[in-house]
Amino acid sequence: MRLEEAVLLAGRVLLSWLFILSGYRHIVHRKPMAGYASASGVPMPEVAVVLTGLMLLAGGLSILLGWHPRIGAALIFIFLVVVAFWMHRFWSFTDPMQRGTQEAHFWKNIALAGAMLWIIAWTHWPWPFALG
């Protein structure tokens, strides 16, 4: 295994694990997560939490396995951008602590959305150690 292949594989594992774990938690802990979504004005919050959990799981697994990673990255990109602007509206908070926390989450989502765009635009297919 070349160094480039090992680094790419390690990056896929590290990046995808965040989304796989988050998707799992959305589904397993859907009631409390739906409560948070409901407080943010998300319609049909329990359905939304399960749907986004499935998007995260599918996207994370596709990146990890290298099986249609562009589709997986697109699913995650949609999730990240929608959640950034819907759930982490830092500009609407007056409390400095809450505003700072939400701003950090907002920009984290936007930065990770940029990583998903990078995957979508990547032209070196197939990835080493990929199913697709």
C-alpha atoms as a PDB file:
ATOM      1  CA  MET A   1       0.000   0.000   0.000  1.00  0.00           C
ATOM      2  CA  ARG A   2       1.376   3.378  -1.008  1.00  0.00           C
ATOM      3  CA  LEU A   3       1.372   6.251   1.469  1.00  0.00           C
ATOM      4  CA  GLU A   4      -1.203   8.151  -0.617  1.00  0.00           C
ATOM      5  CA  GLU A   5      -3.573   5.170  -0.550  1.00  0.00           C
ATOM      6  CA  ALA A   6      -3.145   4.709   3.196  1.00  0.00           C
ATOM      7  CA  VAL A   7      -3.804   8.397   3.885  1.00  0.00           C
ATOM      8  CA  LEU A   8      -6.884   8.407   1.651  1.00  0.00           C
ATOM      9  CA  LEU A   9      -8.238   5.305   3.376  1.00  0.00           C
ATOM     10  CA  ALA A  10      -7.568   6.779   6.834  1.00  0.00           C
ATOM     11  CA  GLY A  11      -9.272  10.015   5.796  1.00  0.00           C
ATOM     12  CA  ARG A  12     -12.318   8.114   4.542  1.00  0.00           C
ATOM     13  CA  VAL A  13     -12.556   6.162   7.799  1.00  0.00           C
ATOM     14  CA  LEU A  14     -12.228   9.267   9.972  1.00  0.00           C
ATOM     15  CA  LEU A  15     -14.613  11.416   7.932  1.00  0.00           C
ATOM     16  CA  SER A  16     -17.257   8.755   7.419  1.00  0.00           C
ATOM     17  CA  TRP A  17     -17.262   7.655  11.059  1.00  0.00           C
ATOM     18  CA  LEU A  18     -18.667  11.052  12.128  1.00  0.00           C
ATOM     19  CA  PHE A  19     -21.657  10.636   9.807  1.00  0.00           C
ATOM     20  CA  ILE A  20     -22.214   6.925  10.460  1.00  0.00           C
ATOM     21  CA  LEU A  21     -22.253   7.517  14.211  1.00  0.00           C
ATOM     22  CA  SER A  22     -24.483  10.572  13.868  1.00  0.00           C
ATOM     23  CA  GLY A  23     -26.924   8.697  11.628  1.00  0.00           C
ATOM     24  CA  TYR A  24     -27.042   5.824  14.112  1.00  0.00           C
ATOM     25  CA  ARG A  25     -27.734   8.247  16.966  1.00  0.00           C
ATOM     26  CA  HIS A  26     -30.482   9.981  14.989  1.00  0.00           C
ATOM     27  CA  ILE A  27     -32.307   6.679  14.646  1.00  0.00           C
ATOM     28  CA  VAL A  28     -31.633   5.194  18.097  1.00  0.00           C
ATOM     29  CA  HIS A  29     -32.251   8.456  19.985  1.00  0.00           C
ATOM     30  CA  ARG A  30     -34.970   9.796  17.711  1.00  0.00           C
ATOM     31  CA  LYS A  31     -37.332  10.908  20.507  1.00  0.00           C
ATOM     32  CA  PRO A  32     -34.961  13.370  22.220  1.00  0.00           C
ATOM     33  CA  MET A  33     -33.549  14.492  18.878  1.00  0.00           C
ATOM     34  CA  ALA A  34     -37.079  15.050  17.598  1.00  0.00           C
ATOM     35  CA  GLY A  35     -37.720  17.218  20.658  1.00  0.00           C
ATOM     36  CA  TYR A  36     -34.737  19.400  19.754  1.00  0.00           C
ATOM     37  CA  ALA A  37     -35.855  19.521  16.113  1.00  0.00           C
ATOM     38  CA  SER A  38     -39.386  20.424  17.162  1.00  0.00           C
ATOM     39  CA  ALA A  39     -38.091  23.275  19.332  1.00  0.00           C
ATOM     40  CA  SER A  40     -36.324  24.585  16.213  1.00  0.00           C
ATOM     41  CA  GLY A  41     -39.553  24.512  14.211  1.00  0.00           C
ATOM     42  CA  VAL A  42     -38.856  21.419  12.119  1.00  0.00           C
ATOM     43  CA  PRO A  43     -42.138  20.010  10.757  1.00  0.00           C
ATOM     44  CA  MET A  44     -42.844  16.330  11.524  1.00  0.00           C
ATOM     45  CA  PRO A  45     -39.694  16.231  13.669  1.00  0.00           C
ATOM     46  CA  GLU A  46     -39.597  12.483  14.356  1.00  0.00           C
ATOM     47  CA  VAL A  47     -39.937  11.661  10.656  1.00  0.00           C
ATOM     48  CA  ALA A  48     -37.316  14.317   9.845  1.00  0.00           C
ATOM     49  CA  VAL A  49     -34.888  12.880  12.405  1.00  0.00           C
ATOM     50  CA  VAL A  50     -35.244   9.336  11.054  1.00  0.00           C
ATOM     51  CA  LEU A  51     -34.977  10.530   7.436  1.00  0.00           C
ATOM     52  CA  THR A  52     -31.850  12.573   8.164  1.00  0.00           C
ATOM     53  CA  GLY A  53     -30.420   9.680  10.155  1.00  0.00           C
ATOM     54  CA  LEU A  54     -30.822   7.434   7.123  1.00  0.00           C
ATOM     55  CA  MET A  55     -29.235  10.102   4.896  1.00  0.00           C
ATOM     56  CA  LEU A  56     -26.249  10.309   7.238  1.00  0.00           C
ATOM     57  CA  LEU A  57     -25.876   6.531   7.498  1.00  0.00           C
ATOM     58  CA  ALA A  58     -26.130   6.018   3.745  1.00  0.00           C
ATOM     59  CA  GLY A  59     -23.781   8.899   3.003  1.00  0.00           C
ATOM     60  CA  GLY A  60     -21.236   7.871   5.610  1.00  0.00           C
ATOM     61  CA  LEU A  61     -21.230   4.242   4.505  1.00  0.00           C
ATOM     62  CA  SER A  62     -20.894   5.186   0.835  1.00  0.00           C
ATOM     63  CA  ILE A  63     -17.835   7.327   1.607  1.00  0.00           C
ATOM     64  CA  LEU A  64     -16.317   4.670   3.846  1.00  0.00           C
ATOM     65  CA  LEU A  65     -16.844   1.889   1.315  1.00  0.00           C
ATOM     66  CA  GLY A  66     -16.161   4.006  -1.763  1.00  0.00           C
ATOM     67  CA  TRP A  67     -19.456   2.825  -3.244  1.00  0.00           C
ATOM     68  CA  HIS A  68     -21.084   5.738  -5.107  1.00  0.00           C
ATOM     69  CA  PRO A  69     -19.345   8.268  -2.849  1.00  0.00           C
ATOM     70  CA  ARG A  70     -20.601  11.220  -4.901  1.00  0.00           C
ATOM     71  CA  ILE A  71     -24.186  10.284  -4.101  1.00  0.00           C
ATOM     72  CA  GLY A  72     -23.312   9.761  -0.445  1.00  0.00           C
ATOM     73  CA  ALA A  73     -21.486  13.086  -0.295  1.00  0.00           C
ATOM     74  CA  ALA A  74     -24.472  14.788  -1.921  1.00  0.00           C
ATOM     75  CA  LEU A  75     -26.814  13.361   0.738  1.00  0.00           C
ATOM     76  CA  ILE A  76     -24.530  14.597   3.488  1.00  0.00           C
ATOM     77  CA  PHE A  77     -24.062  17.984   1.774  1.00  0.00           C
ATOM     78  CA  ILE A  78     -27.843  18.522   1.670  1.00  0.00           C
ATOM     79  CA  PHE A  79     -28.157  17.539   5.327  1.00  0.00           C
ATOM     80  CA  LEU A  80     -25.318  19.814   6.450  1.00  0.00           C
ATOM     81  CA  VAL A  81     -26.484  22.920   4.610  1.00  0.00           C
ATOM     82  CA  VAL A  82     -30.136  22.552   5.598  1.00  0.00           C
ATOM     83  CA  VAL A  83     -29.242  21.902   9.242  1.00  0.00           C
ATOM     84  CA  ALA A  84     -26.757  24.791   9.322  1.00  0.00           C
ATOM     85  CA  PHE A  85     -29.376  27.298   8.206  1.00  0.00           C
ATOM     86  CA  TRP A  86     -32.349  25.765  10.030  1.00  0.00           C
ATOM     87  CA  MET A  87     -30.964  24.517  13.341  1.00  0.00           C
ATOM     88  CA  HIS A  88     -27.883  26.676  13.912  1.00  0.00           C
ATOM     89  CA  ARG A  89     -29.142  30.200  13.176  1.00  0.00           C
ATOM     90  CA  PHE A  90     -26.547  31.845  15.404  1.00  0.00           C
ATOM     91  CA  TRP A  91     -27.575  35.320  14.225  1.00  0.00           C
ATOM     92  CA  SER A  92     -30.926  34.940  16.023  1.00  0.00           C
ATOM     93  CA  PHE A  93     -29.383  34.431  19.505  1.00  0.00           C
ATOM     94  CA  THR A  94     -28.740  37.322  21.852  1.00  0.00           C
ATOM     95  CA  ASP A  95     -27.013  35.337  24.618  1.00  0.00           C
ATOM     96  CA  PRO A  96     -23.282  35.387  23.747  1.00  0.00           C
ATOM     97  CA  MET A  97     -22.701  31.781  24.900  1.00  0.00           C
ATOM     98  CA  GLN A  98     -25.595  30.365  22.872  1.00  0.00           C
ATOM     99  CA  ARG A  99     -24.676  32.533  19.905  1.00  0.00           C
ATOM    100  CA  GLY A 100     -21.061  31.331  20.014  1.00  0.00           C
ATOM    101  CA  THR A 101     -22.073  27.685  20.307  1.00  0.00           C
ATOM    102  CA  GLN A 102     -24.521  27.923  17.414  1.00  0.00           C
ATOM    103  CA  GLU A 103     -22.019  29.851  15.296  1.00  0.00           C
ATOM    104  CA  ALA A 104     -19.426  27.116  15.862  1.00  0.00           C
ATOM    105  CA  HIS A 105     -21.953  24.456  14.807  1.00  0.00           C
ATOM    106  CA  PHE A 106     -23.011  26.524  11.793  1.00  0.00           C
ATOM    107  CA  TRP A 107     -19.455  26.963  10.484  1.00  0.00           C
ATOM    108  CA  LYS A 108     -18.563  23.332  11.272  1.00  0.00           C
ATOM    109  CA  ASN A 109     -21.458  22.254   9.075  1.00  0.00           C
ATOM    110  CA  ILE A 110     -20.475  24.660   6.311  1.00  0.00           C
ATOM    111  CA  ALA A 111     -16.832  23.462   6.406  1.00  0.00           C
ATOM    112  CA  LEU A 112     -17.908  19.818   6.263  1.00  0.00           C
ATOM    113  CA  ALA A 113     -20.272  20.707   3.392  1.00  0.00           C
ATOM    114  CA  GLY A 114     -17.172  21.994   1.607  1.00  0.00           C
ATOM    115  CA  ALA A 115     -15.501  18.619   2.165  1.00  0.00           C
ATOM    116  CA  MET A 116     -18.550  16.947   0.605  1.00  0.00           C
ATOM    117  CA  LEU A 117     -18.238  19.224  -2.441  1.00  0.00           C
ATOM    118  CA  TRP A 118     -14.609  18.171  -2.692  1.00  0.00           C
ATOM    119  CA  ILE A 119     -15.657  14.510  -2.775  1.00  0.00           C
ATOM    120  CA  ILE A 120     -18.337  15.258  -5.368  1.00  0.00           C
ATOM    121  CA  ALA A 121     -15.783  17.034  -7.581  1.00  0.00           C
ATOM    122  CA  TRP A 122     -12.992  14.446  -7.120  1.00  0.00           C
ATOM    123  CA  THR A 123     -11.991  12.846 -10.409  1.00  0.00           C
ATOM    124  CA  HIS A 124      -9.656  10.052  -9.234  1.00  0.00           C
ATOM    125  CA  TRP A 125     -12.049   7.102  -9.354  1.00  0.00           C
ATOM    126  CA  PRO A 126     -12.224   4.483  -8.152  1.00  0.00           C
ATOM    127  CA  TRP A 127     -10.685   5.083  -4.769  1.00  0.00           C
ATOM    128  CA  PRO A 128      -8.174   2.530  -3.511  1.00  0.00           C
ATOM    129  CA  PHE A 129      -9.858  -0.167  -1.409  1.00  0.00           C
ATOM    130  CA  ALA A 130     -13.326   0.836  -2.624  1.00  0.00           C
ATOM    131  CA  LEU A 131     -16.303  -1.301  -3.554  1.00  0.00           C
ATOM    132  CA  GLY A 132     -17.379   0.884  -6.455  1.00  0.00           C
END
